[in-house]
N, C-alpha and C. Protein backbone atom coordinates (compact mmCIF):
# COMPACT_ATOMS: atom_id res chain seq x y z
N MET A 1 0.85 -1.18 0.00
CA MET A 1 0.00 0.00 0.00
C MET A 1 0.89 1.24 0.00
N ALA A 2 0.75 2.04 -1.01
CA ALA A 2 1.58 3.24 -1.15
C ALA A 2 1.03 4.36 -0.27
N VAL A 3 1.95 5.10 0.33
CA VAL A 3 1.57 6.23 1.16
C VAL A 3 1.59 7.48 0.30
N ASN A 4 0.57 8.26 0.42
CA ASN A 4 0.45 9.48 -0.35
C ASN A 4 1.53 10.48 0.10
N SER A 5 2.32 10.99 -0.85
CA SER A 5 3.41 11.90 -0.51
C SER A 5 2.91 13.21 0.08
N LYS A 6 1.71 13.62 -0.30
CA LYS A 6 1.15 14.84 0.27
C LYS A 6 0.88 14.67 1.76
N LYS A 7 0.39 13.50 2.16
CA LYS A 7 0.15 13.23 3.57
C LYS A 7 1.46 13.24 4.36
N ILE A 8 2.50 12.69 3.77
CA ILE A 8 3.80 12.68 4.44
C ILE A 8 4.31 14.11 4.60
N ALA A 9 4.19 14.92 3.56
CA ALA A 9 4.66 16.30 3.62
C ALA A 9 3.90 17.09 4.69
N VAL A 10 2.60 16.91 4.77
CA VAL A 10 1.80 17.60 5.78
C VAL A 10 2.21 17.14 7.17
N TYR A 11 2.41 15.84 7.34
CA TYR A 11 2.83 15.31 8.64
C TYR A 11 4.17 15.90 9.06
N VAL A 12 5.14 15.93 8.14
CA VAL A 12 6.46 16.49 8.44
C VAL A 12 6.34 17.97 8.81
N LEU A 13 5.52 18.70 8.09
CA LEU A 13 5.33 20.12 8.37
C LEU A 13 4.71 20.33 9.76
N VAL A 14 3.73 19.54 10.10
CA VAL A 14 3.08 19.65 11.41
C VAL A 14 4.08 19.34 12.52
N VAL A 15 4.88 18.31 12.33
CA VAL A 15 5.88 17.95 13.33
C VAL A 15 6.91 19.08 13.47
N PHE A 16 7.36 19.65 12.37
CA PHE A 16 8.34 20.73 12.42
C PHE A 16 7.78 21.96 13.13
N VAL A 17 6.56 22.35 12.78
CA VAL A 17 5.93 23.52 13.40
C VAL A 17 5.75 23.28 14.90
N SER A 18 5.32 22.10 15.26
CA SER A 18 5.15 21.77 16.68
C SER A 18 6.49 21.85 17.41
N TYR A 19 7.53 21.33 16.78
CA TYR A 19 8.86 21.37 17.39
C TYR A 19 9.32 22.82 17.61
N VAL A 20 9.15 23.67 16.60
CA VAL A 20 9.57 25.07 16.72
C VAL A 20 8.78 25.78 17.81
N ILE A 21 7.48 25.55 17.86
CA ILE A 21 6.65 26.20 18.88
C ILE A 21 7.06 25.75 20.28
N ILE A 22 7.33 24.48 20.46
CA ILE A 22 7.68 23.96 21.78
C ILE A 22 9.07 24.42 22.21
N THR A 23 10.03 24.39 21.28
CA THR A 23 11.41 24.70 21.66
C THR A 23 11.70 26.19 21.72
N ASP A 24 11.03 27.01 20.89
CA ASP A 24 11.32 28.44 20.87
C ASP A 24 10.06 29.23 20.50
N PRO A 25 9.18 29.44 21.47
CA PRO A 25 7.91 30.12 21.17
C PRO A 25 8.09 31.54 20.66
N GLU A 26 9.12 32.26 21.12
CA GLU A 26 9.32 33.64 20.65
C GLU A 26 9.68 33.66 19.17
N LYS A 27 10.53 32.74 18.75
CA LYS A 27 10.91 32.67 17.34
C LYS A 27 9.70 32.26 16.50
N ALA A 28 8.88 31.35 17.02
CA ALA A 28 7.67 30.95 16.31
C ALA A 28 6.74 32.14 16.13
N ALA A 29 6.62 32.98 17.15
CA ALA A 29 5.78 34.17 17.05
C ALA A 29 6.33 35.13 16.00
N ASP A 30 7.67 35.24 15.93
CA ASP A 30 8.28 36.08 14.91
C ASP A 30 7.94 35.57 13.51
N TYR A 31 7.99 34.25 13.33
CA TYR A 31 7.65 33.68 12.02
C TYR A 31 6.21 33.97 11.65
N VAL A 32 5.31 33.88 12.61
CA VAL A 32 3.90 34.17 12.34
C VAL A 32 3.72 35.64 11.97
N GLN A 33 4.42 36.51 12.69
CA GLN A 33 4.32 37.94 12.40
C GLN A 33 4.85 38.23 11.00
N ILE A 34 5.96 37.64 10.63
CA ILE A 34 6.53 37.84 9.29
C ILE A 34 5.54 37.35 8.23
N GLY A 35 4.92 36.21 8.48
CA GLY A 35 3.94 35.67 7.53
C GLY A 35 2.76 36.59 7.35
N PHE A 36 2.22 37.11 8.46
CA PHE A 36 1.07 38.01 8.36
C PHE A 36 1.45 39.34 7.71
N GLU A 37 2.65 39.82 7.95
CA GLU A 37 3.10 41.05 7.29
C GLU A 37 3.19 40.82 5.78
N GLY A 38 3.68 39.66 5.37
CA GLY A 38 3.74 39.34 3.95
C GLY A 38 2.37 39.28 3.32
N ILE A 39 1.43 38.65 4.01
CA ILE A 39 0.05 38.57 3.50
C ILE A 39 -0.56 39.96 3.41
N SER A 40 -0.31 40.79 4.42
CA SER A 40 -0.84 42.15 4.43
C SER A 40 -0.27 42.97 3.28
N ASP A 41 1.03 42.85 3.06
CA ASP A 41 1.67 43.58 1.95
C ASP A 41 1.11 43.13 0.60
N ALA A 42 0.90 41.82 0.45
CA ALA A 42 0.36 41.30 -0.80
C ALA A 42 -1.07 41.81 -1.03
N ALA A 43 -1.88 41.83 0.03
CA ALA A 43 -3.25 42.33 -0.09
C ALA A 43 -3.25 43.82 -0.45
N GLN A 44 -2.34 44.59 0.14
CA GLN A 44 -2.25 46.01 -0.17
C GLN A 44 -1.86 46.22 -1.63
N ALA A 45 -0.92 45.41 -2.12
CA ALA A 45 -0.50 45.52 -3.51
C ALA A 45 -1.64 45.16 -4.46
N LEU A 46 -2.41 44.14 -4.13
CA LEU A 46 -3.56 43.78 -4.97
C LEU A 46 -4.60 44.90 -4.96
N GLY A 47 -4.82 45.50 -3.81
CA GLY A 47 -5.76 46.62 -3.74
C GLY A 47 -5.30 47.81 -4.56
N ASP A 48 -4.02 48.11 -4.49
CA ASP A 48 -3.47 49.21 -5.31
C ASP A 48 -3.62 48.90 -6.80
N PHE A 49 -3.35 47.66 -7.19
CA PHE A 49 -3.48 47.27 -8.58
C PHE A 49 -4.93 47.37 -9.05
N ALA A 50 -5.86 46.89 -8.21
CA ALA A 50 -7.27 46.96 -8.58
C ALA A 50 -7.73 48.41 -8.72
N SER A 51 -7.25 49.28 -7.85
CA SER A 51 -7.60 50.71 -7.96
C SER A 51 -7.02 51.30 -9.23
N TRP A 52 -5.80 50.91 -9.57
CA TRP A 52 -5.16 51.40 -10.79
C TRP A 52 -5.96 50.97 -12.01
N VAL A 53 -6.40 49.70 -12.03
CA VAL A 53 -7.18 49.19 -13.16
C VAL A 53 -8.53 49.90 -13.23
N ALA A 54 -9.17 50.10 -12.07
CA ALA A 54 -10.47 50.76 -12.03
C ALA A 54 -10.38 52.21 -12.52
N ASN A 55 -9.23 52.84 -12.34
CA ASN A 55 -9.05 54.21 -12.80
C ASN A 55 -8.55 54.28 -14.24
N GLY A 56 -8.58 53.17 -14.93
CA GLY A 56 -8.21 53.17 -16.35
C GLY A 56 -6.71 53.10 -16.58
N GLY A 57 -5.95 52.68 -15.61
CA GLY A 57 -4.52 52.53 -15.79
C GLY A 57 -3.74 53.82 -15.69
N GLU A 58 -4.36 54.86 -15.17
CA GLU A 58 -3.66 56.13 -15.03
C GLU A 58 -2.90 56.16 -13.70
N SER A 59 -1.74 56.76 -13.71
CA SER A 59 -0.91 56.80 -12.51
C SER A 59 -1.45 57.74 -11.47
């Protein structure tokens, strides 16, 4: 019976995240903050692009 590689990857990721949270919670919090800042920056860029398109591509 073959094991699905996606399941293995998810399992490894969960184990790694759990390890980081348990061993260094402050560093884990920094990683979460960096991730949310990246998501926020991407959403801001998409909003700026949508506004630019809605205004007919004018600067």
